[in-house]
């Protein structure tokens, strides 16, 4: 028995007829290819958002490490020797030389984080517009609604629901990204 998935892509030229689109032959294949393209694009957009979140988290950890180093060496004597890793090489410097460089690095990381946050907001808006344009809706699975109180709002797992039902041609990548849930 073929797998079916429910999604919310609604085309004005399609009519729902018990799980089959009322188009025949090549039109049906072309429609499925367009839907596949839309789903792949949507999955790529969600993946980009997740990558931006990951990079922001990574850089925020680096900023906190820089803060710890600054906090540890700031009260010490500026002429005291310290060691700094530069390009994979450990070099001997004084605190007076290292402290400004670490502070500049921290400020640079904070600027990059600010730019990434701006890019994240733009990408979120782009995804929202894409969802509106193609009428994509995400409904949480039953098991997730029970655990909703303990989970964050930014969870990327969900189920696409809608009016059109067709045989599953979705790649394993979409399934593993949690964007689609397939029923047999």
N, C-alpha and C. Protein backbone atom coordinates (compact mmCIF):
# COMPACT_ATOMS: atom_id res chain seq x y z
N UNK A 1 0.84 -1.17 0.00
CA UNK A 1 0.00 0.00 0.00
C UNK A 1 0.89 1.24 0.00
N UNK A 2 0.63 2.23 -0.85
CA UNK A 2 1.51 3.39 -0.94
C UNK A 2 1.38 4.28 0.30
N UNK A 3 2.44 4.97 0.58
CA UNK A 3 2.43 5.92 1.69
C UNK A 3 1.76 7.20 1.22
N UNK A 4 1.05 7.85 2.12
CA UNK A 4 0.40 9.10 1.81
C UNK A 4 0.86 10.16 2.78
N UNK A 5 0.88 11.39 2.32
CA UNK A 5 1.19 12.48 3.23
C UNK A 5 0.19 13.59 2.99
N UNK A 6 -0.07 14.32 4.00
CA UNK A 6 -1.01 15.42 3.91
C UNK A 6 -0.23 16.71 3.95
N UNK A 7 -0.47 17.59 3.00
CA UNK A 7 0.20 18.85 3.00
C UNK A 7 -0.77 19.94 2.59
N UNK A 8 -0.39 21.13 2.83
CA UNK A 8 -1.33 22.22 2.63
C UNK A 8 -1.04 23.03 1.39
N UNK A 9 -0.49 22.43 0.37
CA UNK A 9 -0.28 23.13 -0.88
C UNK A 9 -1.59 23.09 -1.66
N UNK A 10 -2.18 24.23 -1.90
CA UNK A 10 -3.47 24.28 -2.56
C UNK A 10 -3.32 25.05 -3.85
N UNK A 11 -3.51 24.37 -4.96
CA UNK A 11 -3.44 24.99 -6.27
C UNK A 11 -4.85 25.23 -6.78
N UNK A 12 -5.14 26.41 -7.36
CA UNK A 12 -6.49 26.67 -7.84
C UNK A 12 -6.92 25.73 -8.96
N UNK A 13 -5.97 25.12 -9.66
CA UNK A 13 -6.32 24.25 -10.77
C UNK A 13 -6.61 22.83 -10.32
N UNK A 14 -6.47 22.52 -9.02
CA UNK A 14 -6.66 21.17 -8.54
C UNK A 14 -7.99 21.05 -7.82
N UNK A 15 -8.57 19.87 -7.88
CA UNK A 15 -9.80 19.58 -7.17
C UNK A 15 -9.56 18.33 -6.35
N UNK A 16 -10.01 18.32 -5.12
CA UNK A 16 -9.82 17.18 -4.25
C UNK A 16 -10.86 16.13 -4.59
N UNK A 17 -10.40 14.92 -4.92
CA UNK A 17 -11.32 13.84 -5.26
C UNK A 17 -10.90 12.59 -4.52
N UNK A 18 -11.14 12.55 -3.25
CA UNK A 18 -10.88 11.35 -2.46
C UNK A 18 -9.42 10.94 -2.44
N UNK A 19 -8.51 11.86 -2.45
CA UNK A 19 -7.10 11.53 -2.33
C UNK A 19 -6.35 11.58 -3.64
N UNK A 20 -6.98 11.85 -4.75
CA UNK A 20 -6.31 11.91 -6.04
C UNK A 20 -6.61 13.25 -6.68
N UNK A 21 -5.63 13.88 -7.29
CA UNK A 21 -5.86 15.12 -8.01
C UNK A 21 -6.58 14.80 -9.30
N UNK A 22 -7.45 15.69 -9.76
CA UNK A 22 -8.24 15.41 -10.95
C UNK A 22 -7.52 15.79 -12.23
N UNK A 23 -6.23 15.65 -12.24
CA UNK A 23 -5.42 15.85 -13.43
C UNK A 23 -4.90 14.50 -13.88
N UNK A 24 -4.58 14.35 -15.13
CA UNK A 24 -4.16 13.06 -15.64
C UNK A 24 -2.75 13.13 -16.22
N UNK A 25 -2.10 11.96 -16.28
CA UNK A 25 -0.84 11.78 -16.98
C UNK A 25 0.26 12.74 -16.61
N UNK A 26 0.78 13.44 -17.62
CA UNK A 26 1.93 14.32 -17.43
C UNK A 26 1.60 15.53 -16.56
N UNK A 27 0.34 16.00 -16.61
CA UNK A 27 -0.05 17.12 -15.75
C UNK A 27 0.08 16.73 -14.29
N UNK A 28 -0.30 15.52 -13.95
CA UNK A 28 -0.20 15.05 -12.58
C UNK A 28 1.26 14.94 -12.15
N UNK A 29 2.10 14.41 -13.04
CA UNK A 29 3.53 14.30 -12.70
C UNK A 29 4.16 15.67 -12.56
N UNK A 30 3.78 16.59 -13.45
CA UNK A 30 4.31 17.95 -13.39
C UNK A 30 3.89 18.64 -12.10
N UNK A 31 2.66 18.43 -11.69
CA UNK A 31 2.15 19.00 -10.45
C UNK A 31 2.90 18.44 -9.25
N UNK A 32 3.16 17.12 -9.28
CA UNK A 32 3.90 16.51 -8.18
C UNK A 32 5.33 17.03 -8.14
N UNK A 33 5.93 17.28 -9.30
CA UNK A 33 7.29 17.81 -9.35
C UNK A 33 7.31 19.24 -8.78
N UNK A 34 6.30 20.05 -9.13
CA UNK A 34 6.24 21.41 -8.59
C UNK A 34 6.07 21.37 -7.08
N UNK A 35 5.21 20.48 -6.60
CA UNK A 35 5.02 20.36 -5.15
C UNK A 35 6.29 19.88 -4.49
N UNK A 36 6.98 18.97 -5.13
CA UNK A 36 8.26 18.48 -4.59
C UNK A 36 9.27 19.62 -4.50
N UNK A 37 9.31 20.46 -5.54
CA UNK A 37 10.20 21.60 -5.55
C UNK A 37 9.86 22.57 -4.41
N UNK A 38 8.59 22.82 -4.21
CA UNK A 38 8.15 23.71 -3.13
C UNK A 38 8.57 23.14 -1.78
N UNK A 39 8.33 21.84 -1.58
CA UNK A 39 8.69 21.22 -0.31
C UNK A 39 10.20 21.22 -0.09
N UNK A 40 10.96 20.97 -1.14
CA UNK A 40 12.43 21.00 -1.01
C UNK A 40 12.90 22.41 -0.68
N UNK A 41 12.32 23.41 -1.33
CA UNK A 41 12.68 24.81 -1.04
C UNK A 41 12.36 25.14 0.41
N UNK A 42 11.20 24.74 0.86
CA UNK A 42 10.78 25.00 2.24
C UNK A 42 11.73 24.31 3.22
N UNK A 43 12.08 23.07 2.94
CA UNK A 43 13.00 22.34 3.81
C UNK A 43 14.37 23.02 3.85
N UNK A 44 14.85 23.50 2.70
CA UNK A 44 16.14 24.20 2.66
C UNK A 44 16.09 25.48 3.47
N UNK A 45 14.97 26.20 3.39
CA UNK A 45 14.83 27.44 4.17
C UNK A 45 14.86 27.14 5.66
N UNK A 46 14.17 26.08 6.08
CA UNK A 46 14.16 25.71 7.50
C UNK A 46 15.56 25.26 7.95
N UNK A 47 16.27 24.57 7.07
CA UNK A 47 17.63 24.14 7.39
C UNK A 47 18.55 25.35 7.57
N UNK A 48 18.39 26.36 6.71
CA UNK A 48 19.19 27.58 6.84
C UNK A 48 18.93 28.26 8.18
N UNK A 49 17.67 28.33 8.60
CA UNK A 49 17.34 28.93 9.89
C UNK A 49 18.01 28.16 11.01
N UNK A 50 17.95 26.84 10.96
CA UNK A 50 18.60 26.03 11.99
C UNK A 50 20.11 26.23 12.01
N UNK A 51 20.72 26.38 10.84
CA UNK A 51 22.16 26.62 10.77
C UNK A 51 22.52 27.98 11.37
N UNK A 52 21.69 28.98 11.12
CA UNK A 52 21.94 30.31 11.70
C UNK A 52 21.83 30.24 13.21
N UNK A 53 20.78 29.55 13.72
CA UNK A 53 20.65 29.36 15.17
C UNK A 53 21.89 28.70 15.75
N UNK A 54 22.39 27.67 15.09
CA UNK A 54 23.57 26.95 15.58
C UNK A 54 24.79 27.86 15.62
N UNK A 55 24.98 28.65 14.56
CA UNK A 55 26.14 29.54 14.51
C UNK A 55 26.06 30.60 15.59
N UNK A 56 24.87 31.15 15.81
CA UNK A 56 24.69 32.16 16.86
C UNK A 56 25.03 31.56 18.21
N UNK A 57 24.56 30.35 18.47
CA UNK A 57 24.85 29.69 19.75
C UNK A 57 26.34 29.46 19.92
N UNK A 58 27.00 29.01 18.86
CA UNK A 58 28.44 28.77 18.91
C UNK A 58 29.20 30.06 19.21
N UNK A 59 28.83 31.15 18.53
CA UNK A 59 29.52 32.43 18.74
C UNK A 59 29.23 33.00 20.12
N UNK A 60 28.02 32.80 20.62
CA UNK A 60 27.71 33.28 21.98
C UNK A 60 28.55 32.54 23.01
N UNK A 61 28.83 31.27 22.78
CA UNK A 61 29.71 30.53 23.69
C UNK A 61 31.12 31.09 23.64
N UNK A 62 31.59 31.44 22.45
CA UNK A 62 32.92 32.05 22.32
C UNK A 62 32.98 33.39 23.03
N UNK A 63 31.92 34.19 22.93
CA UNK A 63 31.88 35.48 23.63
C UNK A 63 31.97 35.26 25.13
N UNK A 64 31.26 34.26 25.64
CA UNK A 64 31.33 34.01 27.08
C UNK A 64 32.73 33.55 27.50
N UNK A 65 33.41 32.78 26.64
CA UNK A 65 34.79 32.38 26.93
C UNK A 65 35.71 33.59 26.94
N UNK A 66 35.54 34.50 25.98
CA UNK A 66 36.34 35.72 25.96
C UNK A 66 36.10 36.54 27.23
N UNK A 67 34.84 36.60 27.66
CA UNK A 67 34.51 37.35 28.89
C UNK A 67 35.21 36.74 30.10
N UNK A 68 35.25 35.41 30.15
CA UNK A 68 35.94 34.75 31.26
C UNK A 68 37.43 35.07 31.25
N UNK A 69 38.04 35.06 30.07
CA UNK A 69 39.47 35.37 29.97
C UNK A 69 39.72 36.81 30.38
N UNK A 70 38.89 37.72 29.89
CA UNK A 70 39.04 39.14 30.24
C UNK A 70 38.90 39.32 31.75
N UNK A 71 37.89 38.69 32.31
CA UNK A 71 37.69 38.78 33.76
C UNK A 71 38.84 38.21 34.57
N UNK A 72 39.50 37.19 34.05
CA UNK A 72 40.61 36.56 34.77
C UNK A 72 41.89 37.36 34.68
N UNK A 73 42.19 38.00 33.54
CA UNK A 73 43.49 38.67 33.39
C UNK A 73 43.43 40.17 33.66
N UNK A 74 42.26 40.74 33.68
CA UNK A 74 42.15 42.20 33.86
C UNK A 74 42.72 42.68 35.19
N UNK A 75 42.46 42.01 36.30
CA UNK A 75 42.99 42.53 37.57
C UNK A 75 44.48 42.27 37.80
N UNK A 76 45.10 41.52 36.91
CA UNK A 76 46.51 41.18 37.09
C UNK A 76 47.42 42.32 36.63
N UNK A 77 48.67 42.22 37.02
CA UNK A 77 49.68 43.20 36.65
C UNK A 77 49.85 43.22 35.12
N UNK A 78 49.72 44.40 34.47
CA UNK A 78 49.82 44.48 33.00
C UNK A 78 51.16 44.02 32.43
N UNK A 79 52.23 44.04 33.23
CA UNK A 79 53.54 43.61 32.71
C UNK A 79 53.76 42.10 32.87
N UNK A 80 52.82 41.42 33.46
CA UNK A 80 52.95 39.98 33.68
C UNK A 80 52.89 39.23 32.35
N UNK A 81 53.67 38.15 32.26
CA UNK A 81 53.69 37.35 31.05
C UNK A 81 52.44 36.48 30.97
N UNK A 82 51.95 36.28 29.74
CA UNK A 82 50.86 35.34 29.50
C UNK A 82 51.06 34.75 28.11
N UNK A 83 50.30 33.73 27.81
CA UNK A 83 50.43 33.05 26.53
C UNK A 83 49.11 33.14 25.78
N UNK A 84 49.23 33.29 24.48
CA UNK A 84 48.05 33.44 23.64
C UNK A 84 48.22 32.57 22.40
N UNK A 85 47.13 31.92 22.01
CA UNK A 85 47.16 31.08 20.82
C UNK A 85 46.85 31.96 19.62
N UNK A 86 47.80 32.04 18.68
CA UNK A 86 47.64 32.83 17.47
C UNK A 86 47.85 31.91 16.27
N UNK A 87 46.78 31.63 15.55
CA UNK A 87 46.90 30.78 14.37
C UNK A 87 47.43 29.40 14.67
N UNK A 88 47.08 28.84 15.82
CA UNK A 88 47.54 27.51 16.17
C UNK A 88 48.92 27.48 16.82
N UNK A 89 49.52 28.65 17.01
CA UNK A 89 50.84 28.74 17.63
C UNK A 89 50.70 29.48 18.95
N UNK A 90 51.28 28.94 20.00
CA UNK A 90 51.25 29.56 21.31
C UNK A 90 52.38 30.58 21.40
N UNK A 91 52.02 31.87 21.61
CA UNK A 91 53.04 32.92 21.68
C UNK A 91 53.02 33.56 23.06
N UNK A 92 54.20 34.01 23.47
CA UNK A 92 54.34 34.64 24.77
C UNK A 92 54.20 36.15 24.60
N UNK A 93 53.33 36.74 25.39
CA UNK A 93 53.08 38.17 25.36
C UNK A 93 52.91 38.66 26.81
N UNK A 94 52.64 39.94 26.93
CA UNK A 94 52.29 40.49 28.25
C UNK A 94 50.79 40.70 28.28
N UNK A 95 50.25 40.80 29.49
CA UNK A 95 48.80 41.04 29.64
C UNK A 95 48.44 42.36 28.98
N UNK A 96 49.32 43.33 29.05
CA UNK A 96 49.09 44.64 28.44
C UNK A 96 48.88 44.52 26.92
N UNK A 97 49.55 43.56 26.28
CA UNK A 97 49.40 43.35 24.84
C UNK A 97 48.19 42.47 24.50
N UNK A 98 47.92 41.50 25.35
CA UNK A 98 46.87 40.52 25.06
C UNK A 98 45.47 41.04 25.37
N UNK A 99 45.32 41.76 26.46
CA UNK A 99 44.00 42.20 26.90
C UNK A 99 43.26 43.01 25.83
N UNK A 100 43.87 44.01 25.19
CA UNK A 100 43.14 44.74 24.15
C UNK A 100 42.75 43.86 22.96
N UNK A 101 43.61 42.92 22.61
CA UNK A 101 43.30 42.04 21.48
C UNK A 101 42.11 41.13 21.80
N UNK A 102 42.06 40.61 23.01
CA UNK A 102 40.94 39.76 23.41
C UNK A 102 39.65 40.58 23.45
N UNK A 103 39.73 41.81 23.93
CA UNK A 103 38.54 42.68 23.97
C UNK A 103 38.05 43.00 22.56
N UNK A 104 38.99 43.27 21.63
CA UNK A 104 38.60 43.52 20.23
C UNK A 104 37.93 42.29 19.61
N UNK A 105 38.49 41.12 19.88
CA UNK A 105 37.89 39.89 19.37
C UNK A 105 36.48 39.70 19.90
N UNK A 106 36.29 39.99 21.18
CA UNK A 106 34.97 39.85 21.79
C UNK A 106 33.98 40.82 21.12
N UNK A 107 34.40 42.05 20.91
CA UNK A 107 33.53 43.04 20.27
C UNK A 107 33.19 42.62 18.84
N UNK A 108 34.19 42.08 18.13
CA UNK A 108 33.95 41.61 16.77
C UNK A 108 32.94 40.46 16.74
N UNK A 109 33.06 39.54 17.69
CA UNK A 109 32.11 38.43 17.77
C UNK A 109 30.70 38.94 18.06
N UNK A 110 30.60 39.94 18.93
CA UNK A 110 29.28 40.50 19.24
C UNK A 110 28.66 41.16 18.01
N UNK A 111 29.48 41.82 17.19
CA UNK A 111 28.97 42.42 15.95
C UNK A 111 28.48 41.35 14.98
N UNK A 112 29.23 40.27 14.87
CA UNK A 112 28.83 39.17 13.98
C UNK A 112 27.51 38.56 14.47
N UNK A 113 27.37 38.39 15.77
CA UNK A 113 26.13 37.85 16.34
C UNK A 113 24.96 38.77 16.01
N UNK A 114 25.18 40.08 16.10
CA UNK A 114 24.11 41.03 15.78
C UNK A 114 23.70 40.90 14.31
N UNK A 115 24.68 40.78 13.42
CA UNK A 115 24.37 40.60 11.99
C UNK A 115 23.65 39.29 11.72
N UNK A 116 24.07 38.24 12.41
CA UNK A 116 23.39 36.95 12.25
C UNK A 116 21.96 37.00 12.76
N UNK A 117 21.73 37.74 13.85
CA UNK A 117 20.36 37.90 14.35
C UNK A 117 19.49 38.63 13.33
N UNK A 118 20.06 39.64 12.67
CA UNK A 118 19.32 40.36 11.62
C UNK A 118 19.01 39.41 10.46
N UNK A 119 19.99 38.61 10.05
CA UNK A 119 19.78 37.66 8.97
C UNK A 119 18.73 36.62 9.36
N UNK A 120 18.73 36.23 10.62
CA UNK A 120 17.75 35.26 11.11
C UNK A 120 16.34 35.83 11.02
N UNK A 121 16.18 37.08 11.42
CA UNK A 121 14.85 37.71 11.34
C UNK A 121 14.38 37.82 9.90
N UNK A 122 15.29 38.18 8.99
CA UNK A 122 14.93 38.25 7.56
C UNK A 122 14.51 36.88 7.05
N UNK A 123 15.24 35.85 7.43
CA UNK A 123 14.93 34.50 6.96
C UNK A 123 13.60 34.02 7.54
N UNK A 124 13.31 34.37 8.80
CA UNK A 124 12.02 34.01 9.39
C UNK A 124 10.87 34.68 8.65
N UNK A 125 11.05 35.95 8.28
CA UNK A 125 10.02 36.65 7.51
C UNK A 125 9.84 36.01 6.14
N UNK A 126 10.96 35.64 5.52
CA UNK A 126 10.91 34.98 4.21
C UNK A 126 10.15 33.66 4.29
N UNK A 127 10.39 32.90 5.36
CA UNK A 127 9.68 31.63 5.54
C UNK A 127 8.19 31.89 5.76
N UNK A 128 7.86 32.90 6.56
CA UNK A 128 6.45 33.22 6.80
C UNK A 128 5.75 33.61 5.50
N UNK A 129 6.41 34.40 4.68
CA UNK A 129 5.83 34.78 3.38
C UNK A 129 5.67 33.57 2.48
N UNK A 130 6.65 32.67 2.49
CA UNK A 130 6.60 31.46 1.69
C UNK A 130 5.43 30.58 2.14
N UNK A 131 5.25 30.46 3.46
CA UNK A 131 4.14 29.68 4.01
C UNK A 131 2.80 30.27 3.58
N UNK A 132 2.69 31.60 3.62
CA UNK A 132 1.45 32.24 3.19
C UNK A 132 1.21 32.05 1.70
N UNK A 133 2.25 32.22 0.90
CA UNK A 133 2.12 32.12 -0.55
C UNK A 133 1.66 30.74 -0.97
N UNK A 134 2.23 29.69 -0.38
CA UNK A 134 1.90 28.32 -0.77
C UNK A 134 0.94 27.64 0.22
N UNK A 135 0.42 28.41 1.16
CA UNK A 135 -0.56 27.93 2.12
C UNK A 135 -0.06 26.69 2.86
N UNK A 136 1.13 26.79 3.38
CA UNK A 136 1.74 25.71 4.14
C UNK A 136 1.41 25.94 5.61
N UNK A 137 0.89 24.91 6.24
CA UNK A 137 0.58 24.98 7.67
C UNK A 137 1.24 23.82 8.36
N UNK A 138 1.75 24.07 9.54
CA UNK A 138 2.41 23.02 10.31
C UNK A 138 1.57 22.75 11.55
N UNK A 139 1.20 21.51 11.72
CA UNK A 139 0.45 21.11 12.90
C UNK A 139 1.31 20.14 13.67
N UNK A 140 1.39 20.35 14.96
CA UNK A 140 2.20 19.47 15.79
C UNK A 140 1.55 18.10 15.88
N UNK A 141 2.37 17.07 15.97
CA UNK A 141 1.88 15.70 16.13
C UNK A 141 1.24 15.56 17.50
N UNK A 142 0.39 14.56 17.67
CA UNK A 142 -0.32 14.35 18.93
C UNK A 142 0.63 14.20 20.11
N UNK A 143 1.72 13.48 19.93
CA UNK A 143 2.67 13.29 21.03
C UNK A 143 3.34 14.59 21.42
N UNK A 144 3.50 15.51 20.46
CA UNK A 144 4.13 16.79 20.76
C UNK A 144 3.18 17.74 21.48
N UNK A 145 1.89 17.65 21.21
CA UNK A 145 0.95 18.56 21.88
C UNK A 145 0.88 18.26 23.37
N UNK A 146 1.07 17.01 23.76
CA UNK A 146 1.07 16.66 25.18
C UNK A 146 2.30 17.21 25.87
N UNK A 147 3.42 17.25 25.15
CA UNK A 147 4.68 17.72 25.72
C UNK A 147 4.92 19.20 25.46
N UNK A 148 3.96 19.89 24.86
CA UNK A 148 4.12 21.27 24.42
C UNK A 148 4.50 22.20 25.57
N UNK A 149 3.99 21.96 26.75
CA UNK A 149 4.28 22.84 27.88
C UNK A 149 5.75 22.82 28.25
N UNK A 150 6.43 21.71 28.00
CA UNK A 150 7.83 21.60 28.39
C UNK A 150 8.79 21.90 27.24
N UNK A 151 8.27 22.11 26.02
CA UNK A 151 9.15 22.37 24.89
C UNK A 151 9.16 23.84 24.54
N UNK A 152 10.23 24.24 23.84
CA UNK A 152 10.33 25.62 23.36
C UNK A 152 9.43 25.84 22.17
N UNK A 153 9.12 27.11 21.90
CA UNK A 153 8.29 27.47 20.77
C UNK A 153 9.01 27.22 19.46
N UNK A 154 10.32 27.30 19.43
CA UNK A 154 11.09 27.20 18.21
C UNK A 154 11.32 25.79 17.70
N UNK A 155 10.58 24.83 18.21
CA UNK A 155 10.75 23.45 17.75
C UNK A 155 10.45 23.35 16.26
N UNK A 156 11.34 22.69 15.52
CA UNK A 156 11.18 22.60 14.07
C UNK A 156 10.47 21.34 13.63
N UNK A 157 10.06 20.51 14.60
CA UNK A 157 9.39 19.28 14.21
C UNK A 157 7.91 19.53 14.08
N UNK A 158 7.29 18.90 13.10
CA UNK A 158 5.86 19.07 12.90
C UNK A 158 5.38 18.23 11.75
N UNK A 159 4.12 18.40 11.40
CA UNK A 159 3.49 17.66 10.34
C UNK A 159 2.82 18.64 9.41
N UNK A 160 3.05 18.51 8.12
CA UNK A 160 2.36 19.35 7.16
C UNK A 160 0.99 18.75 6.91
N UNK A 161 -0.05 19.58 6.99
CA UNK A 161 -1.40 19.09 6.79
C UNK A 161 -2.10 19.90 5.73
N UNK A 162 -3.12 19.35 5.13
CA UNK A 162 -3.87 20.10 4.15
C UNK A 162 -4.85 19.26 3.39
N UNK A 163 -5.17 19.70 2.20
CA UNK A 163 -6.23 19.10 1.43
C UNK A 163 -5.77 18.09 0.40
N UNK A 164 -4.56 18.19 -0.06
CA UNK A 164 -4.09 17.31 -1.13
C UNK A 164 -3.37 16.11 -0.57
N UNK A 165 -3.67 14.96 -1.11
CA UNK A 165 -3.05 13.73 -0.67
C UNK A 165 -2.46 13.04 -1.89
N UNK A 166 -1.19 12.69 -1.89
CA UNK A 166 -0.63 11.98 -3.03
C UNK A 166 0.46 11.03 -2.55
N UNK A 167 0.81 10.11 -3.41
CA UNK A 167 1.79 9.09 -3.08
C UNK A 167 3.12 9.74 -2.74
N UNK A 168 3.75 9.26 -1.71
CA UNK A 168 4.95 9.89 -1.17
C UNK A 168 6.14 9.72 -2.11
N UNK A 169 6.69 10.85 -2.57
CA UNK A 169 7.91 10.86 -3.37
C UNK A 169 8.98 11.69 -2.67
N UNK A 170 8.80 11.92 -1.38
CA UNK A 170 9.65 12.83 -0.62
C UNK A 170 10.94 12.12 -0.24
N UNK A 171 12.02 12.85 -0.34
CA UNK A 171 13.33 12.28 -0.04
C UNK A 171 13.49 12.04 1.45
N UNK A 172 14.45 11.20 1.79
CA UNK A 172 14.74 10.88 3.18
C UNK A 172 15.21 12.11 3.94
N UNK A 173 15.81 13.07 3.25
CA UNK A 173 16.29 14.29 3.90
C UNK A 173 15.16 15.06 4.54
N UNK A 174 14.03 15.20 3.84
CA UNK A 174 12.90 15.92 4.40
C UNK A 174 12.33 15.20 5.60
N UNK A 175 12.29 13.88 5.52
CA UNK A 175 11.76 13.10 6.62
C UNK A 175 12.65 13.24 7.86
N UNK A 176 13.96 13.19 7.66
CA UNK A 176 14.87 13.26 8.80
C UNK A 176 14.94 14.66 9.39
N UNK A 177 14.65 15.69 8.60
CA UNK A 177 14.64 17.05 9.13
C UNK A 177 13.39 17.32 9.95
N UNK A 178 12.46 16.37 10.01
CA UNK A 178 11.27 16.54 10.83
C UNK A 178 10.23 17.42 10.19
N UNK A 179 10.33 17.68 8.90
CA UNK A 179 9.38 18.55 8.26
C UNK A 179 8.14 17.77 7.82
N UNK A 180 8.32 16.52 7.52
CA UNK A 180 7.21 15.72 7.05
C UNK A 180 7.08 14.48 7.93
N UNK A 181 5.88 14.02 8.11
CA UNK A 181 5.66 12.75 8.77
C UNK A 181 4.82 11.92 7.82
N UNK A 182 5.25 10.71 7.55
CA UNK A 182 4.59 9.88 6.56
C UNK A 182 3.73 8.84 7.25
N UNK A 183 2.57 8.57 6.67
CA UNK A 183 1.68 7.55 7.20
C UNK A 183 1.58 6.41 6.20
N UNK A 184 1.49 5.21 6.71
CA UNK A 184 1.34 4.03 5.83
C UNK A 184 -0.03 3.44 6.02
